[in-house]
Amino acid sequence: MGLTEWAYSLSESMLAEPLPRRWVHSLGVARRARSLSPILGRDAELLEAAAVLHDVGYSPSIATTGFHPLDGARFLRDQEGADERVVRLVAHHSCALLEAEERGLRHELETEFELERPELVDALIVSDMTTTPDGGHTTPAARLEEIVQRYGPDTIVGRFIQRAAPEIYAATERVEGRMALVSADTQPM
């Protein structure tokens, strides 16, 4: 079984029944990651696998700290023996260090899991932050607003996502810039 096949199967088994909306969101994030393959080269499969697994830490069967990037990464590392790069991307998806700081878990996240290459981190941020909870496409601004509305501006998630907004917008600009360069290179003259 290939990396992406394994990732889809595992994510479905962890999310589809207990958290169907998370499963649909994860499928949308993976679709978005796949659409970025022109700028990912040989890491396209890796990013798609991380994208479909990014929210696996929400699964009630493995949630221990209540911080899904850390719970998911620990599960993938300790129980699944997952590819180290997939684990790192799941651990650090969508500016997770900032949320970890809000939760008093930054030290644990930083010391247990190294950051992956910035280009892949950016691509996963964009994949997540341009996908609605129901798996549809959206803009980063609309997604950020939706998250703040859903959780409330003064909650841990609300505070974190507002702090993360500048980095989310910057990642989006970097990814869109790389996609535009690839598109320009493939246009006939």
Protein backbone atom coordinates (compact mmCIF):
# COMPACT_ATOMS: atom_id res chain seq x y z
CA MET A 1 0.00 0.00 0.00
CA GLY A 2 1.37 3.42 -0.98
CA LEU A 3 1.74 6.37 1.35
CA THR A 4 -1.40 8.19 0.26
CA GLU A 5 -3.53 5.03 0.19
CA TRP A 6 -2.41 4.26 3.74
CA ALA A 7 -3.04 7.85 4.87
CA TYR A 8 -6.57 7.99 3.43
CA SER A 9 -7.45 4.61 4.94
CA LEU A 10 -6.11 5.53 8.38
CA SER A 11 -7.74 8.96 8.41
CA GLU A 12 -11.07 7.49 7.37
CA SER A 13 -10.88 4.84 10.10
CA MET A 14 -10.14 7.50 12.73
CA LEU A 15 -12.51 10.26 11.64
CA ALA A 16 -15.33 9.13 9.32
CA GLU A 17 -17.61 7.60 11.93
CA PRO A 18 -16.97 9.62 15.10
CA LEU A 19 -16.37 12.96 13.33
CA PRO A 20 -17.83 12.89 9.82
CA ARG A 21 -17.48 16.64 9.28
CA ARG A 22 -13.76 16.47 10.17
CA TRP A 23 -13.39 13.61 7.72
CA VAL A 24 -15.03 15.61 4.92
CA HIS A 25 -12.83 18.62 5.79
CA SER A 26 -9.74 16.40 5.69
CA LEU A 27 -10.70 15.11 2.25
CA GLY A 28 -11.07 18.71 1.07
CA VAL A 29 -7.68 19.66 2.48
CA ALA A 30 -6.11 16.68 0.71
CA ARG A 31 -7.80 17.71 -2.56
CA ARG A 32 -6.40 21.20 -2.16
CA ALA A 33 -2.93 19.81 -1.39
CA ARG A 34 -3.11 17.70 -4.57
CA SER A 35 -3.90 20.86 -6.55
CA LEU A 36 -0.58 22.33 -5.38
CA SER A 37 1.43 19.41 -6.79
CA PRO A 38 3.04 21.56 -9.55
CA ILE A 39 5.10 23.36 -6.89
CA LEU A 40 5.76 20.32 -4.71
CA GLY A 41 7.66 18.04 -7.07
CA ARG A 42 8.55 14.73 -5.45
CA ASP A 43 6.98 15.86 -2.15
CA ALA A 44 3.45 16.02 -3.61
CA GLU A 45 2.48 12.59 -2.26
CA LEU A 46 3.97 13.41 1.14
CA LEU A 47 1.95 16.61 1.42
CA GLU A 48 -1.28 14.94 0.34
CA ALA A 49 -0.77 12.23 2.98
CA ALA A 50 -0.13 14.85 5.68
CA ALA A 51 -3.15 16.84 4.49
CA VAL A 52 -5.60 13.96 4.82
CA LEU A 53 -4.11 13.10 8.24
CA HIS A 54 -3.73 16.64 9.62
CA ASP A 55 -6.83 16.46 11.87
CA VAL A 56 -6.53 12.82 12.96
CA GLY A 57 -5.67 14.04 16.48
CA TYR A 58 -9.31 15.03 16.95
CA SER A 59 -10.27 11.35 16.97
CA PRO A 60 -11.76 10.55 20.39
CA SER A 61 -9.82 7.29 20.48
CA ILE A 62 -6.44 9.08 20.59
CA ALA A 63 -7.15 12.59 21.92
CA THR A 64 -5.19 12.89 25.16
CA THR A 65 -3.98 16.49 25.50
CA GLY A 66 -6.91 18.06 23.66
CA PHE A 67 -4.43 19.67 21.25
CA HIS A 68 -4.99 17.81 17.99
CA PRO A 69 -1.66 18.51 16.22
CA LEU A 70 0.28 17.05 19.16
CA ASP A 71 -2.11 14.15 19.76
CA GLY A 72 -2.18 13.29 16.06
CA ALA A 73 1.59 13.48 15.61
CA ARG A 74 2.24 11.36 18.69
CA PHE A 75 -0.25 8.76 17.49
CA LEU A 76 1.26 8.65 14.01
CA ARG A 77 4.79 8.37 15.39
CA ASP A 78 4.23 6.03 18.33
CA GLN A 79 1.42 3.75 17.18
CA GLU A 80 1.59 3.87 13.38
CA GLY A 81 5.33 4.29 12.77
CA ALA A 82 4.43 6.86 10.12
CA ASP A 83 6.90 8.60 7.84
CA GLU A 84 8.78 11.13 9.98
CA ARG A 85 8.10 13.98 7.55
CA VAL A 86 4.35 13.31 7.57
CA VAL A 87 4.45 13.29 11.37
CA ARG A 88 6.30 16.63 11.46
CA LEU A 89 3.82 18.23 9.07
CA VAL A 90 0.85 17.00 11.12
CA ALA A 91 2.52 18.25 14.32
CA HIS A 92 3.11 21.73 12.95
CA HIS A 93 0.17 22.23 10.60
CA SER A 94 -1.44 25.65 10.34
CA CYS A 95 0.79 27.56 12.77
CA ALA A 96 0.37 24.97 15.52
CA LEU A 97 3.26 26.44 17.56
CA LEU A 98 1.15 29.52 18.25
CA GLU A 99 -1.79 27.46 19.45
CA ALA A 100 0.57 25.26 21.48
CA GLU A 101 1.83 28.41 23.18
CA GLU A 102 -1.75 29.40 24.10
CA ARG A 103 -2.21 25.93 25.60
CA GLY A 104 1.09 25.82 27.48
CA LEU A 105 2.33 23.01 25.18
CA ARG A 106 4.83 24.87 22.99
CA HIS A 107 7.89 23.32 24.63
CA GLU A 108 6.51 19.80 24.16
CA LEU A 109 5.65 20.40 20.50
CA GLU A 110 8.99 22.08 19.72
CA THR A 111 11.14 19.49 21.44
CA GLU A 112 9.32 16.42 20.17
CA PHE A 113 8.83 17.45 16.55
CA GLU A 114 11.14 19.40 14.25
CA LEU A 115 9.71 21.73 11.65
CA GLU A 116 9.50 20.44 8.09
CA ARG A 117 10.75 22.40 5.05
CA PRO A 118 9.11 25.87 4.91
CA GLU A 119 7.69 25.29 1.41
CA LEU A 120 5.77 22.23 2.63
CA VAL A 121 4.63 23.96 5.82
CA ASP A 122 3.30 26.82 3.68
CA ALA A 123 1.51 24.43 1.32
CA LEU A 124 -0.22 22.65 4.20
CA ILE A 125 -1.24 25.97 5.78
CA VAL A 126 -2.79 27.04 2.48
CA SER A 127 -4.48 23.68 1.96
CA ASP A 128 -6.11 23.85 5.40
CA MET A 129 -6.89 27.56 5.42
CA THR A 130 -8.59 27.50 2.00
CA THR A 131 -10.88 24.57 2.87
CA THR A 132 -14.18 24.96 4.70
CA PRO A 133 -15.27 22.63 7.52
CA ASP A 134 -17.49 20.95 4.91
CA GLY A 135 -14.61 20.38 2.47
CA GLY A 136 -15.35 23.21 0.04
CA HIS A 137 -12.98 25.87 -1.25
CA THR A 138 -12.77 29.24 0.50
CA THR A 139 -10.43 32.17 0.98
CA PRO A 140 -8.05 32.48 3.93
CA ALA A 141 -9.95 35.58 5.14
CA ALA A 142 -13.30 33.77 5.10
CA ARG A 143 -11.78 30.71 6.79
CA LEU A 144 -10.21 32.79 9.55
CA GLU A 145 -13.50 34.60 10.12
CA GLU A 146 -15.37 31.28 10.24
CA ILE A 147 -12.95 29.89 12.85
CA VAL A 148 -13.24 32.99 15.06
CA GLN A 149 -17.05 32.89 14.76
CA ARG A 150 -17.22 29.16 15.55
CA TYR A 151 -14.92 29.23 18.59
CA GLY A 152 -15.30 32.85 19.74
CA PRO A 153 -12.63 35.57 19.68
CA ASP A 154 -11.60 35.17 23.32
CA THR A 155 -11.15 31.38 23.34
CA ILE A 156 -7.80 29.62 22.97
CA VAL A 157 -8.51 28.83 19.32
CA GLY A 158 -9.93 32.29 18.65
CA ARG A 159 -6.89 34.04 20.12
CA PHE A 160 -4.45 31.72 18.39
CA ILE A 161 -6.00 32.03 14.93
CA GLN A 162 -6.05 35.82 15.18
CA ARG A 163 -2.35 35.77 16.09
CA ALA A 164 -1.66 33.35 13.23
CA ALA A 165 -3.49 35.42 10.59
CA PRO A 166 -0.41 37.37 9.37
CA GLU A 167 1.55 34.14 8.86
CA ILE A 168 -1.41 32.48 7.14
CA TYR A 169 -1.70 35.40 4.72
CA ALA A 170 2.08 35.41 4.14
CA ALA A 171 2.09 31.64 3.44
CA THR A 172 -0.78 32.14 1.00
CA GLU A 173 1.16 34.84 -0.85
CA ARG A 174 4.26 32.65 -1.05
CA VAL A 175 2.31 29.63 -2.34
CA GLU A 176 0.32 31.70 -4.84
CA GLY A 177 3.57 33.28 -6.04
CA ARG A 178 5.16 29.87 -6.62
CA MET A 179 2.03 28.62 -8.40
CA ALA A 180 2.02 31.72 -10.64
CA LEU A 181 5.67 31.13 -11.58
CA VAL A 182 4.96 27.51 -12.48
CA SER A 183 1.90 28.55 -14.49
CA ALA A 184 3.89 31.25 -16.33
CA ASP A 185 6.61 28.72 -17.17
CA THR A 186 4.08 26.35 -18.75
CA GLN A 187 2.21 28.95 -20.84
CA PRO A 188 2.88 28.79 -24.59
CA MET A 189 4.41 31.86 -26.19
